[in-house]
Amino acid sequence: TLAFDFDTVKMGSKINYSFVFKNAGKNDLIIHKTKASCGCTASNIAKNIVKKGEKGKIDIEFNTSGRRGNQLKTITVTTNDPKNPVIVLTIIGYVRE
């Protein structure tokens, strides 16, 4: 899945989620970089080379401090996949005071 809905949380909470994927291609999948839409969102790649048939994951942390209302944050992932070289992961939800 390319989106995670954290529902409703209290301001100041840290949301953690792992996007898990499988390399169904014929070659190694290389994750060149990840870029978050704002400084409040961080990403960590477990390993940047995922062998054919293996699973990989990208861990995301969204810090809700100073945020309120509806939230939509994105993480852009750039890979060597010839069909989908750029993938956008989305985190959505509502932050209450």
PDB file of N, CA and C in Angstrom:
ATOM      1  N   THR A   1       0.840  -1.187   0.000  1.00  0.00           N
ATOM      2  CA  THR A   1       0.000   0.000   0.000  1.00  0.00           C
ATOM      3  C   THR A   1       0.880   1.244   0.000  1.00  0.00           C
ATOM      4  N   LEU A   2       0.413   2.283  -0.632  1.00  0.00           N
ATOM      5  CA  LEU A   2       1.195   3.501  -0.756  1.00  0.00           C
ATOM      6  C   LEU A   2       0.713   4.609   0.167  1.00  0.00           C
ATOM      7  N   ALA A   3      -0.309   4.319   0.998  1.00  0.00           N
ATOM      8  CA  ALA A   3      -0.837   5.327   1.905  1.00  0.00           C
ATOM      9  C   ALA A   3      -1.102   4.725   3.276  1.00  0.00           C
ATOM     10  N   PHE A   4      -0.935   5.562   4.306  1.00  0.00           N
ATOM     11  CA  PHE A   4      -1.227   5.163   5.675  1.00  0.00           C
ATOM     12  C   PHE A   4      -2.081   6.245   6.314  1.00  0.00           C
ATOM     13  N   ASP A   5      -3.228   5.860   6.850  1.00  0.00           N
ATOM     14  CA  ASP A   5      -4.131   6.775   7.538  1.00  0.00           C
ATOM     15  C   ASP A   5      -3.992   6.534   9.030  1.00  0.00           C
ATOM     16  N   PHE A   6      -3.438   7.527   9.746  1.00  0.00           N
ATOM     17  CA  PHE A   6      -3.243   7.359  11.189  1.00  0.00           C
ATOM     18  C   PHE A   6      -4.464   7.768  11.995  1.00  0.00           C
ATOM     19  N   ASP A   7      -5.557   8.108  11.333  1.00  0.00           N
ATOM     20  CA  ASP A   7      -6.837   8.456  11.954  1.00  0.00           C
ATOM     21  C   ASP A   7      -6.712   9.769  12.712  1.00  0.00           C
ATOM     22  N   THR A   8      -6.982   9.789  14.013  1.00  0.00           N
ATOM     23  CA  THR A   8      -6.939  11.010  14.810  1.00  0.00           C
ATOM     24  C   THR A   8      -5.977  10.816  15.978  1.00  0.00           C
ATOM     25  N   VAL A   9      -5.072  11.784  16.155  1.00  0.00           N
ATOM     26  CA  VAL A   9      -4.124  11.731  17.266  1.00  0.00           C
ATOM     27  C   VAL A   9      -4.059  13.102  17.931  1.00  0.00           C
ATOM     28  N   LYS A  10      -3.509  13.125  19.137  1.00  0.00           N
ATOM     29  CA  LYS A  10      -3.332  14.367  19.875  1.00  0.00           C
ATOM     30  C   LYS A  10      -2.050  15.059  19.409  1.00  0.00           C
ATOM     31  N   MET A  11      -2.096  16.400  19.314  1.00  0.00           N
ATOM     32  CA  MET A  11      -0.934  17.178  18.912  1.00  0.00           C
ATOM     33  C   MET A  11       0.251  16.836  19.813  1.00  0.00           C
ATOM     34  N   GLY A  12       1.413  16.678  19.232  1.00  0.00           N
ATOM     35  CA  GLY A  12       2.618  16.322  19.971  1.00  0.00           C
ATOM     36  C   GLY A  12       2.967  14.846  19.860  1.00  0.00           C
ATOM     37  N   SER A  13       2.045  14.058  19.323  1.00  0.00           N
ATOM     38  CA  SER A  13       2.295  12.625  19.137  1.00  0.00           C
ATOM     39  C   SER A  13       3.288  12.411  17.998  1.00  0.00           C
ATOM     40  N   LYS A  14       3.993  11.296  18.072  1.00  0.00           N
ATOM     41  CA  LYS A  14       4.859  10.885  16.965  1.00  0.00           C
ATOM     42  C   LYS A  14       4.236   9.647  16.348  1.00  0.00           C
ATOM     43  N   ILE A  15       3.984   9.713  15.059  1.00  0.00           N
ATOM     44  CA  ILE A  15       3.384   8.610  14.308  1.00  0.00           C
ATOM     45  C   ILE A  15       4.510   7.834  13.646  1.00  0.00           C
ATOM     46  N   ASN A  16       4.545   6.540  13.894  1.00  0.00           N
ATOM     47  CA  ASN A  16       5.544   5.672  13.261  1.00  0.00           C
ATOM     48  C   ASN A  16       4.825   4.618  12.435  1.00  0.00           C
ATOM     49  N   TYR A  17       5.350   4.401  11.231  1.00  0.00           N
ATOM     50  CA  TYR A  17       4.753   3.409  10.343  1.00  0.00           C
ATOM     51  C   TYR A  17       5.845   2.859   9.433  1.00  0.00           C
ATOM     52  N   SER A  18       5.722   1.590   9.067  1.00  0.00           N
ATOM     53  CA  SER A  18       6.663   0.970   8.131  1.00  0.00           C
ATOM     54  C   SER A  18       5.933   0.579   6.859  1.00  0.00           C
ATOM     55  N   PHE A  19       6.379   1.133   5.750  1.00  0.00           N
ATOM     56  CA  PHE A  19       5.875   0.713   4.437  1.00  0.00           C
ATOM     57  C   PHE A  19       6.711  -0.497   4.020  1.00  0.00           C
ATOM     58  N   VAL A  20       6.073  -1.659   3.903  1.00  0.00           N
ATOM     59  CA  VAL A  20       6.767  -2.897   3.535  1.00  0.00           C
ATOM     60  C   VAL A  20       6.436  -3.211   2.073  1.00  0.00           C
ATOM     61  N   PHE A  21       7.438  -3.647   1.326  1.00  0.00           N
ATOM     62  CA  PHE A  21       7.243  -3.942  -0.095  1.00  0.00           C
ATOM     63  C   PHE A  21       8.082  -5.146  -0.477  1.00  0.00           C
ATOM     64  N   LYS A  22       7.757  -5.725  -1.618  1.00  0.00           N
ATOM     65  CA  LYS A  22       8.521  -6.860  -2.142  1.00  0.00           C
ATOM     66  C   LYS A  22       9.059  -6.503  -3.520  1.00  0.00           C
ATOM     67  N   ASN A  23      10.295  -6.864  -3.772  1.00  0.00           N
ATOM     68  CA  ASN A  23      10.890  -6.656  -5.085  1.00  0.00           C
ATOM     69  C   ASN A  23      10.442  -7.806  -5.984  1.00  0.00           C
ATOM     70  N   ALA A  24       9.462  -7.537  -6.833  1.00  0.00           N
ATOM     71  CA  ALA A  24       8.934  -8.549  -7.747  1.00  0.00           C
ATOM     72  C   ALA A  24       9.615  -8.478  -9.118  1.00  0.00           C
ATOM     73  N   GLY A  25      10.627  -7.628  -9.230  1.00  0.00           N
ATOM     74  CA  GLY A  25      11.315  -7.462 -10.504  1.00  0.00           C
ATOM     75  C   GLY A  25      12.327  -8.562 -10.772  1.00  0.00           C
ATOM     76  N   LYS A  26      13.024  -8.414 -11.896  1.00  0.00           N
ATOM     77  CA  LYS A  26      14.015  -9.406 -12.319  1.00  0.00           C
ATOM     78  C   LYS A  26      15.416  -9.070 -11.809  1.00  0.00           C
ATOM     79  N   ASN A  27      15.607  -7.846 -11.332  1.00  0.00           N
ATOM     80  CA  ASN A  27      16.925  -7.388 -10.881  1.00  0.00           C
ATOM     81  C   ASN A  27      16.828  -6.814  -9.471  1.00  0.00           C
ATOM     82  N   ASP A  28      17.995  -6.455  -8.916  1.00  0.00           N
ATOM     83  CA  ASP A  28      18.018  -5.788  -7.621  1.00  0.00           C
ATOM     84  C   ASP A  28      17.277  -4.456  -7.726  1.00  0.00           C
ATOM     85  N   LEU A  29      16.513  -4.124  -6.694  1.00  0.00           N
ATOM     86  CA  LEU A  29      15.851  -2.824  -6.605  1.00  0.00           C
ATOM     87  C   LEU A  29      16.758  -1.921  -5.780  1.00  0.00           C
ATOM     88  N   ILE A  30      17.146  -0.816  -6.352  1.00  0.00           N
ATOM     89  CA  ILE A  30      18.016   0.125  -5.651  1.00  0.00           C
ATOM     90  C   ILE A  30      17.206   1.369  -5.312  1.00  0.00           C
ATOM     91  N   ILE A  31      17.165   1.691  -4.039  1.00  0.00           N
ATOM     92  CA  ILE A  31      16.491   2.913  -3.587  1.00  0.00           C
ATOM     93  C   ILE A  31      17.564   3.997  -3.523  1.00  0.00           C
ATOM     94  N   HIS A  32      17.479   4.942  -4.443  1.00  0.00           N
ATOM     95  CA  HIS A  32      18.489   5.992  -4.533  1.00  0.00           C
ATOM     96  C   HIS A  32      18.330   7.032  -3.429  1.00  0.00           C
ATOM     97  N   LYS A  33      17.072   7.469  -3.194  1.00  0.00           N
ATOM     98  CA  LYS A  33      16.857   8.475  -2.154  1.00  0.00           C
ATOM     99  C   LYS A  33      15.387   8.548  -1.769  1.00  0.00           C
ATOM    100  N   THR A  34      15.157   9.142  -0.602  1.00  0.00           N
ATOM    101  CA  THR A  34      13.803   9.461  -0.157  1.00  0.00           C
ATOM    102  C   THR A  34      13.794  10.941   0.214  1.00  0.00           C
ATOM    103  N   LYS A  35      12.661  11.594  -0.031  1.00  0.00           N
ATOM    104  CA  LYS A  35      12.548  13.022   0.286  1.00  0.00           C
ATOM    105  C   LYS A  35      11.173  13.279   0.869  1.00  0.00           C
ATOM    106  N   ALA A  36      11.129  13.818   2.085  1.00  0.00           N
ATOM    107  CA  ALA A  36       9.872  14.123   2.758  1.00  0.00           C
ATOM    108  C   ALA A  36       9.372  15.500   2.337  1.00  0.00           C
ATOM    109  N   SER A  37       8.047  15.678   2.404  1.00  0.00           N
ATOM    110  CA  SER A  37       7.438  16.942   2.003  1.00  0.00           C
ATOM    111  C   SER A  37       7.679  18.051   3.022  1.00  0.00           C
ATOM    112  N   CYS A  38       8.039  17.694   4.263  1.00  0.00           N
ATOM    113  CA  CYS A  38       8.341  18.725   5.253  1.00  0.00           C
ATOM    114  C   CYS A  38       9.317  18.164   6.278  1.00  0.00           C
ATOM    115  N   GLY A  39       9.902  19.057   7.076  1.00  0.00           N
ATOM    116  CA  GLY A  39      10.855  18.655   8.096  1.00  0.00           C
ATOM    117  C   GLY A  39      10.243  17.868   9.240  1.00  0.00           C
ATOM    118  N   CYS A  40       8.907  17.855   9.319  1.00  0.00           N
ATOM    119  CA  CYS A  40       8.221  17.135  10.388  1.00  0.00           C
ATOM    120  C   CYS A  40       8.149  15.640  10.113  1.00  0.00           C
ATOM    121  N   THR A  41       8.560  15.221   8.925  1.00  0.00           N
ATOM    122  CA  THR A  41       8.472  13.816   8.526  1.00  0.00           C
ATOM    123  C   THR A  41       9.865  13.297   8.203  1.00  0.00           C
ATOM    124  N   ALA A  42      10.228  12.167   8.797  1.00  0.00           N
ATOM    125  CA  ALA A  42      11.538  11.561   8.550  1.00  0.00           C
ATOM    126  C   ALA A  42      11.342  10.152   8.020  1.00  0.00           C
ATOM    127  N   SER A  43      12.284   9.710   7.181  1.00  0.00           N
ATOM    128  CA  SER A  43      12.216   8.348   6.654  1.00  0.00           C
ATOM    129  C   SER A  43      13.555   7.661   6.849  1.00  0.00           C
ATOM    130  N   ASN A  44      13.497   6.355   7.015  1.00  0.00           N
ATOM    131  CA  ASN A  44      14.698   5.555   7.186  1.00  0.00           C
ATOM    132  C   ASN A  44      14.526   4.286   6.355  1.00  0.00           C
ATOM    133  N   ILE A  45      15.496   4.016   5.507  1.00  0.00           N
ATOM    134  CA  ILE A  45      15.456   2.827   4.655  1.00  0.00           C
ATOM    135  C   ILE A  45      16.234   1.720   5.357  1.00  0.00           C
ATOM    136  N   ALA A  46      15.593   0.557   5.540  1.00  0.00           N
ATOM    137  CA  ALA A  46      16.258  -0.565   6.198  1.00  0.00           C
ATOM    138  C   ALA A  46      17.507  -0.977   5.406  1.00  0.00           C
ATOM    139  N   LYS A  47      17.365  -1.097   4.087  1.00  0.00           N
ATOM    140  CA  LYS A  47      18.510  -1.355   3.206  1.00  0.00           C
ATOM    141  C   LYS A  47      18.158  -0.781   1.846  1.00  0.00           C
ATOM    142  N   ASN A  48      19.134  -0.160   1.198  1.00  0.00           N
ATOM    143  CA  ASN A  48      18.825   0.506  -0.064  1.00  0.00           C
ATOM    144  C   ASN A  48      18.954  -0.386  -1.290  1.00  0.00           C
ATOM    145  N   ILE A  49      19.417  -1.624  -1.104  1.00  0.00           N
ATOM    146  CA  ILE A  49      19.422  -2.590  -2.207  1.00  0.00           C
ATOM    147  C   ILE A  49      18.588  -3.795  -1.759  1.00  0.00           C
ATOM    148  N   VAL A  50      17.506  -4.055  -2.494  1.00  0.00           N
ATOM    149  CA  VAL A  50      16.616  -5.175  -2.176  1.00  0.00           C
ATOM    150  C   VAL A  50      16.734  -6.182  -3.315  1.00  0.00           C
ATOM    151  N   LYS A  51      17.212  -7.366  -2.988  1.00  0.00           N
ATOM    152  CA  LYS A  51      17.407  -8.412  -3.993  1.00  0.00           C
ATOM    153  C   LYS A  51      16.076  -8.890  -4.569  1.00  0.00           C
ATOM    154  N   LYS A  52      16.136  -9.455  -5.754  1.00  0.00           N
ATOM    155  CA  LYS A  52      14.955 -10.018  -6.423  1.00  0.00           C
ATOM    156  C   LYS A  52      14.248 -10.999  -5.484  1.00  0.00           C
ATOM    157  N   GLY A  53      12.939 -10.820  -5.307  1.00  0.00           N
ATOM    158  CA  GLY A  53      12.146 -11.712  -4.465  1.00  0.00           C
ATOM    159  C   GLY A  53      12.165 -11.388  -2.980  1.00  0.00           C
ATOM    160  N   GLU A  54      13.053 -10.476  -2.536  1.00  0.00           N
ATOM    161  CA  GLU A  54      13.137 -10.118  -1.124  1.00  0.00           C
ATOM    162  C   GLU A  54      12.183  -8.986  -0.771  1.00  0.00           C
ATOM    163  N   LYS A  55      11.944  -8.859   0.532  1.00  0.00           N
ATOM    164  CA  LYS A  55      11.127  -7.760   1.036  1.00  0.00           C
ATOM    165  C   LYS A  55      12.027  -6.658   1.583  1.00  0.00           C
ATOM    166  N   GLY A  56      11.544  -5.455   1.494  1.00  0.00           N
ATOM    167  CA  GLY A  56      12.235  -4.302   2.056  1.00  0.00           C
ATOM    168  C   GLY A  56      11.236  -3.455   2.818  1.00  0.00           C
ATOM    169  N   LYS A  57      11.735  -2.431   3.520  1.00  0.00           N
ATOM    170  CA  LYS A  57      10.818  -1.545   4.215  1.00  0.00           C
ATOM    171  C   LYS A  57      11.408  -0.164   4.361  1.00  0.00           C
ATOM    172  N   ILE A  58      10.496   0.786   4.431  1.00  0.00           N
ATOM    173  CA  ILE A  58      10.854   2.176   4.671  1.00  0.00           C
ATOM    174  C   ILE A  58      10.077   2.613   5.908  1.00  0.00           C
ATOM    175  N   ASP A  59      10.829   2.972   6.958  1.00  0.00           N
ATOM    176  CA  ASP A  59      10.206   3.415   8.197  1.00  0.00           C
ATOM    177  C   ASP A  59       9.990   4.918   8.146  1.00  0.00           C
ATOM    178  N   ILE A  60       8.798   5.333   8.582  1.00  0.00           N
ATOM    179  CA  ILE A  60       8.411   6.738   8.550  1.00  0.00           C
ATOM    180  C   ILE A  60       8.080   7.205   9.960  1.00  0.00           C
ATOM    181  N   GLU A  61       8.506   8.432  10.301  1.00  0.00           N
ATOM    182  CA  GLU A  61       8.082   9.054  11.552  1.00  0.00           C
ATOM    183  C   GLU A  61       7.564  10.450  11.239  1.00  0.00           C
ATOM    184  N   PHE A  62       6.353  10.736  11.704  1.00  0.00           N
ATOM    185  CA  PHE A  62       5.733  12.050  11.534  1.00  0.00           C
ATOM    186  C   PHE A  62       5.546  12.650  12.914  1.00  0.00           C
ATOM    187  N   ASN A  63       6.176  13.791  13.160  1.00  0.00           N
ATOM    188  CA  ASN A  63       6.080  14.484  14.440  1.00  0.00           C
ATOM    189  C   ASN A  63       4.971  15.532  14.334  1.00  0.00           C
ATOM    190  N   THR A  64       3.919  15.388  15.128  1.00  0.00           N
ATOM    191  CA  THR A  64       2.753  16.263  15.029  1.00  0.00           C
ATOM    192  C   THR A  64       2.873  17.540  15.861  1.00  0.00           C
ATOM    193  N   SER A  65       4.006  17.762  16.514  1.00  0.00           N
ATOM    194  CA  SER A  65       4.178  18.988  17.305  1.00  0.00           C
ATOM    195  C   SER A  65       3.954  20.215  16.443  1.00  0.00           C
ATOM    196  N   GLY A  66       3.100  21.120  16.924  1.00  0.00           N
ATOM    197  CA  GLY A  66       2.813  22.351  16.187  1.00  0.00           C
ATOM    198  C   GLY A  66       1.890  22.170  14.997  1.00  0.00           C
ATOM    199  N   ARG A  67       1.359  21.000  14.808  1.00  0.00           N
ATOM    200  CA  ARG A  67       0.443  20.714  13.693  1.00  0.00           C
ATOM    201  C   ARG A  67      -0.954  20.521  14.256  1.00  0.00           C
ATOM    202  N   ARG A  68      -1.959  20.911  13.503  1.00  0.00           N
ATOM    203  CA  ARG A  68      -3.331  20.612  13.909  1.00  0.00           C
ATOM    204  C   ARG A  68      -4.223  20.587  12.680  1.00  0.00           C
ATOM    205  N   GLY A  69      -5.325  19.852  12.804  1.00  0.00           N
ATOM    206  CA  GLY A  69      -6.253  19.718  11.692  1.00  0.00           C
ATOM    207  C   GLY A  69      -5.864  18.573  10.774  1.00  0.00           C
ATOM    208  N   ASN A  70      -6.447  18.603   9.575  1.00  0.00           N
ATOM    209  CA  ASN A  70      -6.156  17.558   8.587  1.00  0.00           C
ATOM    210  C   ASN A  70      -4.708  17.650   8.134  1.00  0.00           C
ATOM    211  N   GLN A  71      -4.069  16.490   8.040  1.00  0.00           N
ATOM    212  CA  GLN A  71      -2.667  16.426   7.634  1.00  0.00           C
ATOM    213  C   GLN A  71      -2.516  15.496   6.443  1.00  0.00           C
ATOM    214  N   LEU A  72      -1.673  15.897   5.522  1.00  0.00           N
ATOM    215  CA  LEU A  72      -1.302  15.058   4.376  1.00  0.00           C
ATOM    216  C   LEU A  72       0.175  15.301   4.133  1.00  0.00           C
ATOM    217  N   LYS A  73       0.984  14.299   4.412  1.00  0.00           N
ATOM    218  CA  LYS A  73       2.428  14.395   4.226  1.00  0.00           C
ATOM    219  C   LYS A  73       2.857  13.317   3.238  1.00  0.00           C
ATOM    220  N   THR A  74       3.881  13.629   2.455  1.00  0.00           N
ATOM    221  CA  THR A  74       4.347  12.683   1.452  1.00  0.00           C
ATOM    222  C   THR A  74       5.841  12.423   1.590  1.00  0.00           C
ATOM    223  N   ILE A  75       6.239  11.245   1.158  1.00  0.00           N
ATOM    224  CA  ILE A  75       7.637  10.866   1.054  1.00  0.00           C
ATOM    225  C   ILE A  75       7.837  10.370  -0.375  1.00  0.00           C
ATOM    226  N   THR A  76       8.695  11.040  -1.119  1.00  0.00           N
ATOM    227  CA  THR A  76       8.985  10.657  -2.495  1.00  0.00           C
ATOM    228  C   THR A  76      10.191   9.726  -2.497  1.00  0.00           C
ATOM    229  N   VAL A  77      10.014   8.556  -3.116  1.00  0.00           N
ATOM    230  CA  VAL A  77      11.062   7.535  -3.155  1.00  0.00           C
ATOM    231  C   VAL A  77      11.530   7.394  -4.605  1.00  0.00           C
ATOM    232  N   THR A  78      12.836   7.545  -4.820  1.00  0.00           N
ATOM    233  CA  THR A  78      13.415   7.416  -6.152  1.00  0.00           C
ATOM    234  C   THR A  78      14.195   6.100  -6.219  1.00  0.00           C
ATOM    235  N   THR A  79      13.861   5.267  -7.233  1.00  0.00           N
ATOM    236  CA  THR A  79      14.476   3.943  -7.368  1.00  0.00           C
ATOM    237  C   THR A  79      14.994   3.725  -8.792  1.00  0.00           C
ATOM    238  N   ASN A  80      15.541   2.556  -9.023  1.00  0.00           N
ATOM    239  CA  ASN A  80      15.998   2.173 -10.368  1.00  0.00           C
ATOM    240  C   ASN A  80      14.936   1.376 -11.126  1.00  0.00           C
ATOM    241  N   ASP A  81      13.715   1.310 -10.607  1.00  0.00           N
ATOM    242  CA  ASP A  81      12.630   0.571 -11.265  1.00  0.00           C
ATOM    243  C   ASP A  81      12.293   1.264 -12.593  1.00  0.00           C
ATOM    244  N   PRO A  82      12.478   0.581 -13.736  1.00  0.00           N
ATOM    245  CA  PRO A  82      12.226   1.233 -15.020  1.00  0.00           C
ATOM    246  C   PRO A  82      10.755   1.592 -15.250  1.00  0.00           C
ATOM    247  N   LYS A  83       9.822   0.881 -14.618  1.00  0.00           N
ATOM    248  CA  LYS A  83       8.396   1.168 -14.805  1.00  0.00           C
ATOM    249  C   LYS A  83       7.882   2.216 -13.823  1.00  0.00           C
ATOM    250  N   ASN A  84       8.417   2.225 -12.607  1.00  0.00           N
ATOM    251  CA  ASN A  84       7.993   3.169 -11.569  1.00  0.00           C
ATOM    252  C   ASN A  84       9.212   3.737 -10.845  1.00  0.00           C
ATOM    253  N   PRO A  85       9.967   4.619 -11.498  1.00  0.00           N
ATOM    254  CA  PRO A  85      11.180   5.121 -10.862  1.00  0.00           C
ATOM    255  C   PRO A  85      10.918   6.054  -9.674  1.00  0.00           C
ATOM    256  N   VAL A  86       9.740   6.677  -9.647  1.00  0.00           N
ATOM    257  CA  VAL A  86       9.384   7.572  -8.544  1.00  0.00           C
ATOM    258  C   VAL A  86       8.064   7.105  -7.938  1.00  0.00           C
ATOM    259  N   ILE A  87       8.096   6.865  -6.629  1.00  0.00           N
ATOM    260  CA  ILE A  87       6.909   6.412  -5.900  1.00  0.00           C
ATOM    261  C   ILE A  87       6.645   7.419  -4.792  1.00  0.00           C
ATOM    262  N   VAL A  88       5.384   7.768  -4.578  1.00  0.00           N
ATOM    263  CA  VAL A  88       5.026   8.704  -3.522  1.00  0.00           C
ATOM    264  C   VAL A  88       4.243   7.958  -2.445  1.00  0.00           C
ATOM    265  N   LEU A  89       4.815   7.949  -1.234  1.00  0.00           N
ATOM    266  CA  LEU A  89       4.151   7.374  -0.070  1.00  0.00           C
ATOM    267  C   LEU A  89       3.419   8.500   0.646  1.00  0.00           C
ATOM    268  N   THR A  90       2.211   8.226   1.155  1.00  0.00           N
ATOM    269  CA  THR A  90       1.399   9.264   1.759  1.00  0.00           C
ATOM    270  C   THR A  90       0.986   8.878   3.171  1.00  0.00           C
ATOM    271  N   ILE A  91       1.034   9.871   4.057  1.00  0.00           N
ATOM    272  CA  ILE A  91       0.541   9.715   5.435  1.00  0.00           C
ATOM    273  C   ILE A  91      -0.552  10.760   5.622  1.00  0.00           C
ATOM    274  N   ILE A  92      -1.736  10.297   6.040  1.00  0.00           N
ATOM    275  CA  ILE A  92      -2.845  11.216   6.246  1.00  0.00           C
ATOM    276  C   ILE A  92      -3.496  10.968   7.608  1.00  0.00           C
ATOM    277  N   GLY A  93      -4.163  11.987   8.095  1.00  0.00           N
ATOM    278  CA  GLY A  93      -4.891  11.858   9.356  1.00  0.00           C
ATOM    279  C   GLY A  93      -5.262  13.218   9.897  1.00  0.00           C
ATOM    280  N   TYR A  94      -5.741  13.212  11.129  1.00  0.00           N
ATOM    281  CA  TYR A  94      -6.205  14.439  11.771  1.00  0.00           C
ATOM    282  C   TYR A  94      -5.488  14.603  13.106  1.00  0.00           C
ATOM    283  N   VAL A  95      -4.989  15.815  13.356  1.00  0.00           N
ATOM    284  CA  VAL A  95      -4.306  16.118  14.617  1.00  0.00           C
ATOM    285  C   VAL A  95      -5.192  17.080  15.411  1.00  0.00           C
ATOM    286  N   ARG A  96      -5.529  16.659  16.646  1.00  0.00           N
ATOM    287  CA  ARG A  96      -6.364  17.505  17.523  1.00  0.00           C
ATOM    288  C   ARG A  96      -5.487  18.059  18.644  1.00  0.00           C
ATOM    289  N   GLU A  97      -5.970  19.154  19.256  1.00  0.00           N
ATOM    290  CA  GLU A  97      -5.223  19.762  20.369  1.00  0.00           C
ATOM    291  C   GLU A  97      -5.418  18.998  21.646  1.00  0.00           C
TER     292      GLU A  97
END
